[in-house]
C-alpha atoms as a PDB file:
ATOM      1  CA  UNK A   1      10.590   2.753 -11.166  1.00  0.00           C
ATOM      2  CA  UNK A   2       6.826   2.627 -11.737  1.00  0.00           C
ATOM      3  CA  UNK A   3       5.358   4.559 -14.645  1.00  0.00           C
ATOM      4  CA  UNK A   4       1.672   4.916 -15.549  1.00  0.00           C
ATOM      5  CA  UNK A   5       0.845   6.585 -18.842  1.00  0.00           C
ATOM      6  CA  UNK A   6      -2.704   7.498 -19.916  1.00  0.00           C
ATOM      7  CA  UNK A   7      -4.219   4.526 -18.087  1.00  0.00           C
ATOM      8  CA  UNK A   8      -7.939   3.923 -18.604  1.00  0.00           C
ATOM      9  CA  UNK A   9     -10.121   1.298 -16.932  1.00  0.00           C
ATOM     10  CA  UNK A  10     -13.895   0.878 -17.023  1.00  0.00           C
ATOM     11  CA  UNK A  11     -16.218  -1.685 -15.519  1.00  0.00           C
ATOM     12  CA  UNK A  12     -19.211  -1.656 -17.836  1.00  0.00           C
ATOM     13  CA  UNK A  13     -20.486   1.902 -18.021  1.00  0.00           C
ATOM     14  CA  UNK A  14     -18.468   2.923 -14.947  1.00  0.00           C
ATOM     15  CA  UNK A  15     -15.351   4.783 -16.100  1.00  0.00           C
ATOM     16  CA  UNK A  16     -13.008   4.439 -13.120  1.00  0.00           C
ATOM     17  CA  UNK A  17      -9.625   5.484 -14.503  1.00  0.00           C
ATOM     18  CA  UNK A  18      -9.764   8.118 -17.236  1.00  0.00           C
ATOM     19  CA  UNK A  19      -6.200   8.747 -18.277  1.00  0.00           C
ATOM     20  CA  UNK A  20      -3.961   8.379 -15.224  1.00  0.00           C
ATOM     21  CA  UNK A  21      -0.381   9.612 -15.545  1.00  0.00           C
ATOM     22  CA  UNK A  22       1.926   8.979 -12.600  1.00  0.00           C
ATOM     23  CA  UNK A  23       5.627   8.341 -11.994  1.00  0.00           C
ATOM     24  CA  UNK A  24       7.029   6.788  -8.825  1.00  0.00           C
ATOM     25  CA  UNK A  25      10.781   7.031  -8.382  1.00  0.00           C
ATOM     26  CA  UNK A  26      12.829   4.203  -6.902  1.00  0.00           C
ATOM     27  CA  UNK A  27      13.304   4.424  -3.139  1.00  0.00           C
ATOM     28  CA  UNK A  28      10.545   6.976  -2.603  1.00  0.00           C
ATOM     29  CA  UNK A  29       7.262   6.815  -0.706  1.00  0.00           C
ATOM     30  CA  UNK A  30       4.247   7.960  -2.717  1.00  0.00           C
ATOM     31  CA  UNK A  31       0.793   8.301  -1.188  1.00  0.00           C
ATOM     32  CA  UNK A  32      -2.355   8.317  -3.318  1.00  0.00           C
ATOM     33  CA  UNK A  33      -5.219  10.295  -1.792  1.00  0.00           C
ATOM     34  CA  UNK A  34      -8.779  10.835  -2.946  1.00  0.00           C
ATOM     35  CA  UNK A  35     -12.355  10.186  -1.942  1.00  0.00           C
ATOM     36  CA  UNK A  36     -14.059   6.806  -1.805  1.00  0.00           C
ATOM     37  CA  UNK A  37     -14.816   5.399  -5.240  1.00  0.00           C
ATOM     38  CA  UNK A  38     -12.210   7.500  -7.043  1.00  0.00           C
ATOM     39  CA  UNK A  39     -10.267   4.458  -8.258  1.00  0.00           C
ATOM     40  CA  UNK A  40      -7.373   4.264  -5.796  1.00  0.00           C
ATOM     41  CA  UNK A  41      -7.724   0.514  -5.260  1.00  0.00           C
ATOM     42  CA  UNK A  42      -8.223  -0.124  -8.979  1.00  0.00           C
ATOM     43  CA  UNK A  43      -5.035   1.831  -9.635  1.00  0.00           C
ATOM     44  CA  UNK A  44      -3.092  -0.261  -7.136  1.00  0.00           C
ATOM     45  CA  UNK A  45      -4.476  -3.526  -8.556  1.00  0.00           C
ATOM     46  CA  UNK A  46      -3.566  -2.359 -12.045  1.00  0.00           C
ATOM     47  CA  UNK A  47       0.065  -1.829 -11.027  1.00  0.00           C
ATOM     48  CA  UNK A  48       0.092  -5.354  -9.584  1.00  0.00           C
ATOM     49  CA  UNK A  49      -1.322  -6.716 -12.815  1.00  0.00           C
ATOM     50  CA  UNK A  50      -4.455  -7.994 -11.055  1.00  0.00           C
ATOM     51  CA  UNK A  51      -6.569  -5.641 -13.180  1.00  0.00           C
ATOM     52  CA  UNK A  52      -5.718  -5.164 -16.846  1.00  0.00           C
ATOM     53  CA  UNK A  53      -6.154  -1.568 -18.110  1.00  0.00           C
ATOM     54  CA  UNK A  54      -8.384  -1.021 -21.135  1.00  0.00           C
ATOM     55  CA  UNK A  55      -5.728   1.277 -22.599  1.00  0.00           C
ATOM     56  CA  UNK A  56      -2.526   3.008 -21.613  1.00  0.00           C
ATOM     57  CA  UNK A  57       0.637   1.460 -20.202  1.00  0.00           C
ATOM     58  CA  UNK A  58       2.031   0.590 -16.785  1.00  0.00           C
ATOM     59  CA  UNK A  59       5.695  -0.301 -16.548  1.00  0.00           C
ATOM     60  CA  UNK A  60       8.021  -1.460 -13.799  1.00  0.00           C
ATOM     61  CA  UNK A  61      11.644  -0.677 -14.607  1.00  0.00           C
ATOM     62  CA  UNK A  62      10.514  -0.173 -18.194  1.00  0.00           C
ATOM     63  CA  UNK A  63       8.806  -3.577 -18.471  1.00  0.00           C
ATOM     64  CA  UNK A  64       5.053  -3.915 -19.081  1.00  0.00           C
ATOM     65  CA  UNK A  65       3.485  -5.240 -15.855  1.00  0.00           C
ATOM     66  CA  UNK A  66       1.039  -7.433 -17.797  1.00  0.00           C
ATOM     67  CA  UNK A  67       3.805  -9.413 -19.536  1.00  0.00           C
ATOM     68  CA  UNK A  68       6.633 -11.709 -18.544  1.00  0.00           C
ATOM     69  CA  UNK A  69       7.111 -14.111 -15.633  1.00  0.00           C
ATOM     70  CA  UNK A  70       4.268 -13.402 -13.181  1.00  0.00           C
ATOM     71  CA  UNK A  71       5.888 -15.221 -10.252  1.00  0.00           C
ATOM     72  CA  UNK A  72       9.141 -13.319 -10.653  1.00  0.00           C
ATOM     73  CA  UNK A  73       7.205 -10.060 -11.023  1.00  0.00           C
ATOM     74  CA  UNK A  74       5.054 -10.538  -7.920  1.00  0.00           C
ATOM     75  CA  UNK A  75       8.075 -11.670  -5.877  1.00  0.00           C
ATOM     76  CA  UNK A  76       9.297  -8.073  -6.023  1.00  0.00           C
ATOM     77  CA  UNK A  77       6.237  -6.846  -4.093  1.00  0.00           C
ATOM     78  CA  UNK A  78       5.038  -6.910  -0.515  1.00  0.00           C
ATOM     79  CA  UNK A  79       1.620  -5.688   0.602  1.00  0.00           C
ATOM     80  CA  UNK A  80      -0.093  -4.632   3.801  1.00  0.00           C
ATOM     81  CA  UNK A  81      -3.791  -5.186   3.186  1.00  0.00           C
ATOM     82  CA  UNK A  82      -6.596  -3.137   4.655  1.00  0.00           C
ATOM     83  CA  UNK A  83      -7.763  -4.927   7.818  1.00  0.00           C
ATOM     84  CA  UNK A  84      -4.496  -6.948   7.829  1.00  0.00           C
ATOM     85  CA  UNK A  85      -6.244  -9.847   5.979  1.00  0.00           C
ATOM     86  CA  UNK A  86      -4.581 -12.581   8.021  1.00  0.00           C
ATOM     87  CA  UNK A  87      -5.407 -16.268   7.631  1.00  0.00           C
ATOM     88  CA  UNK A  88      -7.455 -17.160  10.721  1.00  0.00           C
ATOM     89  CA  UNK A  89      -6.533 -20.851  10.598  1.00  0.00           C
ATOM     90  CA  UNK A  90      -2.768 -20.211  10.583  1.00  0.00           C
ATOM     91  CA  UNK A  91      -0.616 -19.242  13.526  1.00  0.00           C
ATOM     92  CA  UNK A  92       0.945 -15.801  13.464  1.00  0.00           C
ATOM     93  CA  UNK A  93       4.369 -17.007  12.351  1.00  0.00           C
ATOM     94  CA  UNK A  94       2.785 -19.059   9.549  1.00  0.00           C
ATOM     95  CA  UNK A  95       0.984 -15.930   8.358  1.00  0.00           C
ATOM     96  CA  UNK A  96       4.218 -13.937   8.343  1.00  0.00           C
ATOM     97  CA  UNK A  97       6.134 -16.717   6.597  1.00  0.00           C
ATOM     98  CA  UNK A  98       3.377 -17.546   4.123  1.00  0.00           C
ATOM     99  CA  UNK A  99       5.254 -16.395   1.032  1.00  0.00           C
ATOM    100  CA  UNK A 100       8.497 -17.915   2.264  1.00  0.00           C
ATOM    101  CA  UNK A 101       6.831 -21.338   2.274  1.00  0.00           C
ATOM    102  CA  UNK A 102       5.505 -21.062  -1.300  1.00  0.00           C
ATOM    103  CA  UNK A 103       6.848 -21.315  -4.821  1.00  0.00           C
ATOM    104  CA  UNK A 104      10.252 -22.018  -6.268  1.00  0.00           C
ATOM    105  CA  UNK A 105      12.182 -20.347  -3.443  1.00  0.00           C
ATOM    106  CA  UNK A 106      10.425 -22.304  -0.670  1.00  0.00           C
ATOM    107  CA  UNK A 107      12.306 -22.088   2.641  1.00  0.00           C
ATOM    108  CA  UNK A 108      12.564 -24.950   5.155  1.00  0.00           C
ATOM    109  CA  UNK A 109       9.978 -24.685   7.940  1.00  0.00           C
ATOM    110  CA  UNK A 110      12.498 -23.924  10.709  1.00  0.00           C
ATOM    111  CA  UNK A 111      14.221 -21.238   8.644  1.00  0.00           C
ATOM    112  CA  UNK A 112      10.900 -19.641   7.697  1.00  0.00           C
ATOM    113  CA  UNK A 113       9.812 -19.588  11.344  1.00  0.00           C
ATOM    114  CA  UNK A 114      13.100 -17.953  12.381  1.00  0.00           C
ATOM    115  CA  UNK A 115      12.695 -15.241   9.753  1.00  0.00           C
ATOM    116  CA  UNK A 116       9.083 -14.692  10.814  1.00  0.00           C
ATOM    117  CA  UNK A 117      10.054 -14.215  14.468  1.00  0.00           C
ATOM    118  CA  UNK A 118      12.722 -11.690  13.442  1.00  0.00           C
ATOM    119  CA  UNK A 119      10.213  -9.733  11.367  1.00  0.00           C
ATOM    120  CA  UNK A 120       7.728  -9.799  14.249  1.00  0.00           C
ATOM    121  CA  UNK A 121      10.449  -8.410  16.493  1.00  0.00           C
ATOM    122  CA  UNK A 122      11.062  -5.651  13.945  1.00  0.00           C
ATOM    123  CA  UNK A 123       7.453  -4.517  14.240  1.00  0.00           C
ATOM    124  CA  UNK A 124       7.544  -4.606  18.033  1.00  0.00           C
ATOM    125  CA  UNK A 125       6.001  -8.017  18.760  1.00  0.00           C
ATOM    126  CA  UNK A 126       7.612 -10.544  21.116  1.00  0.00           C
ATOM    127  CA  UNK A 127       8.481 -14.127  20.091  1.00  0.00           C
ATOM    128  CA  UNK A 128       5.612 -15.721  22.046  1.00  0.00           C
ATOM    129  CA  UNK A 129       3.137 -13.997  19.706  1.00  0.00           C
ATOM    130  CA  UNK A 130       4.406 -16.229  16.877  1.00  0.00           C
ATOM    131  CA  UNK A 131       2.432 -19.230  18.128  1.00  0.00           C
ATOM    132  CA  UNK A 132      -0.829 -17.398  18.710  1.00  0.00           C
ATOM    133  CA  UNK A 133      -3.711 -17.174  16.234  1.00  0.00           C
ATOM    134  CA  UNK A 134      -4.885 -13.854  14.726  1.00  0.00           C
ATOM    135  CA  UNK A 135      -8.160 -13.968  16.690  1.00  0.00           C
ATOM    136  CA  UNK A 136      -6.147 -13.770  19.921  1.00  0.00           C
ATOM    137  CA  UNK A 137      -4.614 -10.429  18.931  1.00  0.00           C
ATOM    138  CA  UNK A 138      -5.888  -6.852  19.075  1.00  0.00           C
ATOM    139  CA  UNK A 139      -6.492  -4.905  15.872  1.00  0.00           C
ATOM    140  CA  UNK A 140      -3.229  -3.036  16.260  1.00  0.00           C
ATOM    141  CA  UNK A 141      -1.266  -6.250  16.778  1.00  0.00           C
ATOM    142  CA  UNK A 142      -2.915  -7.812  13.738  1.00  0.00           C
ATOM    143  CA  UNK A 143      -1.878  -4.804  11.683  1.00  0.00           C
ATOM    144  CA  UNK A 144       1.713  -5.249  12.880  1.00  0.00           C
ATOM    145  CA  UNK A 145       1.599  -8.914  11.883  1.00  0.00           C
ATOM    146  CA  UNK A 146       0.372  -7.831   8.453  1.00  0.00           C
ATOM    147  CA  UNK A 147       3.304  -5.438   8.203  1.00  0.00           C
ATOM    148  CA  UNK A 148       5.729  -8.178   9.239  1.00  0.00           C
ATOM    149  CA  UNK A 149       4.299 -10.404   6.495  1.00  0.00           C
ATOM    150  CA  UNK A 150       4.646  -7.597   3.939  1.00  0.00           C
ATOM    151  CA  UNK A 151       8.385  -7.286   4.612  1.00  0.00           C
ATOM    152  CA  UNK A 152       9.189 -10.962   5.270  1.00  0.00           C
ATOM    153  CA  UNK A 153      10.572 -11.653   1.797  1.00  0.00           C
ATOM    154  CA  UNK A 154      12.552  -8.373   1.649  1.00  0.00           C
ATOM    155  CA  UNK A 155      10.534  -6.915  -1.252  1.00  0.00           C
ATOM    156  CA  UNK A 156      11.740  -4.030  -3.411  1.00  0.00           C
ATOM    157  CA  UNK A 157       8.270  -2.471  -3.529  1.00  0.00           C
ATOM    158  CA  UNK A 158       5.678  -2.346  -0.756  1.00  0.00           C
ATOM    159  CA  UNK A 159       2.031  -1.382  -1.133  1.00  0.00           C
ATOM    160  CA  UNK A 160      -0.005  -0.186   1.832  1.00  0.00           C
ATOM    161  CA  UNK A 161      -3.798  -0.245   1.511  1.00  0.00           C
ATOM    162  CA  UNK A 162      -5.379   2.066   4.134  1.00  0.00           C
ATOM    163  CA  UNK A 163      -2.754   1.054   6.738  1.00  0.00           C
ATOM    164  CA  UNK A 164      -4.402   2.787   9.720  1.00  0.00           C
ATOM    165  CA  UNK A 165      -8.072   1.984   9.088  1.00  0.00           C
ATOM    166  CA  UNK A 166      -9.835   0.947  12.283  1.00  0.00           C
ATOM    167  CA  UNK A 167      -6.985   1.909  14.601  1.00  0.00           C
ATOM    168  CA  UNK A 168      -7.058   4.455  17.397  1.00  0.00           C
ATOM    169  CA  UNK A 169      -4.904   7.595  16.989  1.00  0.00           C
ATOM    170  CA  UNK A 170      -2.045   6.280  19.131  1.00  0.00           C
ATOM    171  CA  UNK A 171      -1.794   2.938  17.328  1.00  0.00           C
ATOM    172  CA  UNK A 172      -2.151   4.735  13.995  1.00  0.00           C
ATOM    173  CA  UNK A 173       0.881   6.808  14.941  1.00  0.00           C
ATOM    174  CA  UNK A 174       2.812   3.662  15.850  1.00  0.00           C
ATOM    175  CA  UNK A 175       1.999   2.041  12.503  1.00  0.00           C
ATOM    176  CA  UNK A 176       2.884   5.208  10.576  1.00  0.00           C
ATOM    177  CA  UNK A 177       6.245   5.419  12.352  1.00  0.00           C
ATOM    178  CA  UNK A 178       6.957   1.731  11.660  1.00  0.00           C
ATOM    179  CA  UNK A 179       6.107   2.117   7.977  1.00  0.00           C
ATOM    180  CA  UNK A 180       8.380   5.116   7.602  1.00  0.00           C
ATOM    181  CA  UNK A 181      11.262   3.452   9.467  1.00  0.00           C
ATOM    182  CA  UNK A 182      11.010   0.150   7.614  1.00  0.00           C
ATOM    183  CA  UNK A 183      10.685   1.677   4.148  1.00  0.00           C
ATOM    184  CA  UNK A 184      13.726   3.856   4.852  1.00  0.00           C
ATOM    185  CA  UNK A 185      15.773   0.955   6.282  1.00  0.00           C
ATOM    186  CA  UNK A 186      14.974  -1.340   3.359  1.00  0.00           C
ATOM    187  CA  UNK A 187      15.418   1.328   0.712  1.00  0.00           C
ATOM    188  CA  UNK A 188      12.098   0.122  -0.654  1.00  0.00           C
ATOM    189  CA  UNK A 189       9.783   1.925  -3.024  1.00  0.00           C
ATOM    190  CA  UNK A 190       6.428   2.453  -1.312  1.00  0.00           C
ATOM    191  CA  UNK A 191       2.953   3.178  -2.636  1.00  0.00           C
ATOM    192  CA  UNK A 192       0.150   3.860  -0.164  1.00  0.00           C
ATOM    193  CA  UNK A 193      -3.542   4.603  -0.591  1.00  0.00           C
ATOM    194  CA  UNK A 194      -5.241   6.308   2.337  1.00  0.00           C
ATOM    195  CA  UNK A 195      -7.842   8.825   3.489  1.00  0.00           C
ATOM    196  CA  UNK A 196      -5.877   9.567   6.658  1.00  0.00           C
ATOM    197  CA  UNK A 197      -4.087  12.897   6.312  1.00  0.00           C
ATOM    198  CA  UNK A 198      -2.017  12.185   9.420  1.00  0.00           C
ATOM    199  CA  UNK A 199      -0.631   9.118   7.638  1.00  0.00           C
ATOM    200  CA  UNK A 200       0.022  11.161   4.511  1.00  0.00           C
ATOM    201  CA  UNK A 201       2.165  13.658   6.388  1.00  0.00           C
ATOM    202  CA  UNK A 202       3.964  10.915   8.324  1.00  0.00           C
ATOM    203  CA  UNK A 203       4.952   8.549   5.528  1.00  0.00           C
ATOM    204  CA  UNK A 204       4.880  10.409   2.190  1.00  0.00           C
ATOM    205  CA  UNK A 205       7.720  11.855   0.177  1.00  0.00           C
ATOM    206  CA  UNK A 206       5.297  12.605  -2.636  1.00  0.00           C
ATOM    207  CA  UNK A 207       1.511  12.822  -2.869  1.00  0.00           C
ATOM    208  CA  UNK A 208      -0.861  12.330  -5.789  1.00  0.00           C
ATOM    209  CA  UNK A 209      -4.564  13.155  -5.602  1.00  0.00           C
ATOM    210  CA  UNK A 210      -6.909  11.054  -7.692  1.00  0.00           C
ATOM    211  CA  UNK A 211     -10.223  12.629  -8.671  1.00  0.00           C
ATOM    212  CA  UNK A 212     -12.516  12.120 -11.636  1.00  0.00           C
ATOM    213  CA  UNK A 213     -10.402   9.206 -12.823  1.00  0.00           C
ATOM    214  CA  UNK A 214      -7.254  11.312 -13.226  1.00  0.00           C
ATOM    215  CA  UNK A 215      -4.379  12.547 -11.103  1.00  0.00           C
ATOM    216  CA  UNK A 216      -5.660  15.977 -10.160  1.00  0.00           C
ATOM    217  CA  UNK A 217      -2.461  17.102  -8.434  1.00  0.00           C
ATOM    218  CA  UNK A 218       0.905  15.583  -7.574  1.00  0.00           C
ATOM    219  CA  UNK A 219       4.014  16.861  -5.870  1.00  0.00           C
ATOM    220  CA  UNK A 220       6.203  16.710  -2.770  1.00  0.00           C
ATOM    221  CA  UNK A 221       4.307  16.391   0.496  1.00  0.00           C
ATOM    222  CA  UNK A 222       5.897  19.675   1.607  1.00  0.00           C
ATOM    223  CA  UNK A 223       3.955  21.447  -1.158  1.00  0.00           C
ATOM    224  CA  UNK A 224       0.603  19.941  -0.263  1.00  0.00           C
ATOM    225  CA  UNK A 225      -0.645  22.723   2.012  1.00  0.00           C
ATOM    226  CA  UNK A 226       0.606  25.478  -0.276  1.00  0.00           C
ATOM    227  CA  UNK A 227      -1.172  24.351  -3.434  1.00  0.00           C
ATOM    228  CA  UNK A 228      -4.078  26.525  -4.535  1.00  0.00           C
ATOM    229  CA  UNK A 229      -5.890  23.609  -6.158  1.00  0.00           C
ATOM    230  CA  UNK A 230      -9.438  23.760  -4.723  1.00  0.00           C
ATOM    231  CA  UNK A 231      -9.931  19.981  -4.910  1.00  0.00           C
ATOM    232  CA  UNK A 232      -6.794  19.317  -2.859  1.00  0.00           C
ATOM    233  CA  UNK A 233      -7.621  22.033  -0.340  1.00  0.00           C
ATOM    234  CA  UNK A 234     -11.151  20.730   0.183  1.00  0.00           C
ATOM    235  CA  UNK A 235      -9.937  17.169   0.632  1.00  0.00           C
ATOM    236  CA  UNK A 236      -7.012  17.759   2.984  1.00  0.00           C
ATOM    237  CA  UNK A 237      -9.099  20.030   5.225  1.00  0.00           C
ATOM    238  CA  UNK A 238     -12.215  17.875   5.103  1.00  0.00           C
ATOM    239  CA  UNK A 239     -14.500  20.681   4.012  1.00  0.00           C
ATOM    240  CA  UNK A 240     -18.104  19.899   3.089  1.00  0.00           C
ATOM    241  CA  UNK A 241     -18.239  22.815   0.649  1.00  0.00           C
ATOM    242  CA  UNK A 242     -16.137  22.830  -2.505  1.00  0.00           C
ATOM    243  CA  UNK A 243     -15.799  21.334  -5.982  1.00  0.00           C
ATOM    244  CA  UNK A 244     -15.857  17.741  -4.677  1.00  0.00           C
ATOM    245  CA  UNK A 245     -19.489  16.754  -4.448  1.00  0.00           C
ATOM    246  CA  UNK A 246     -20.516  14.849  -1.336  1.00  0.00           C
ATOM    247  CA  UNK A 247     -23.256  12.229  -1.276  1.00  0.00           C
ATOM    248  CA  UNK A 248     -26.053  13.548   0.901  1.00  0.00           C
END
């Protein structure tokens, strides 16, 4: 469904992506792992068309992501941002229904609110939360609201940017379980970037490791522990010693 071929992207002298090749099949959950500064976020933004590659191609169902009707293209996506990224001045239901109230397919206010409450229920939040503001919620509840917003418009593709950052282990487990359940229920194609190996094992069908601007290794999550690749082994076990240099 999503195909990246020899994708390069530099910012000045900083070569971030140096020939990325990656295929993501429809209806699968792919997790991108790699250290900070390896280009995971740039890769995600490139797929969304928010960053234009210097060379190489990125296609969605065979169509170049940088061409065509942008509104129609972006309508196919949902996204859970790192830190939830909710609008502080909007009530919870207005955050969840934000996309539903925009653009050519704008829904009536009452209908959008009803959909928002249903999506909040799906992520384990009760109807009264709909009229609260984000500042009144815990970090875990905010993350659930962000997830509800990501699925509100029934997207075909969902991106998750560090979905468990800042959460305690129990809430991280809750969010991981919700992501897996929802992606499976919707039949959506999912792409996640994370450092959290617990999340990787909970939500991935396939894993790709980004290092040095390229996909160092990719394969089914079941093969992750068995690979002999020293970069993958150092990363997944959090070892200080190995081919990945740490900043000291």
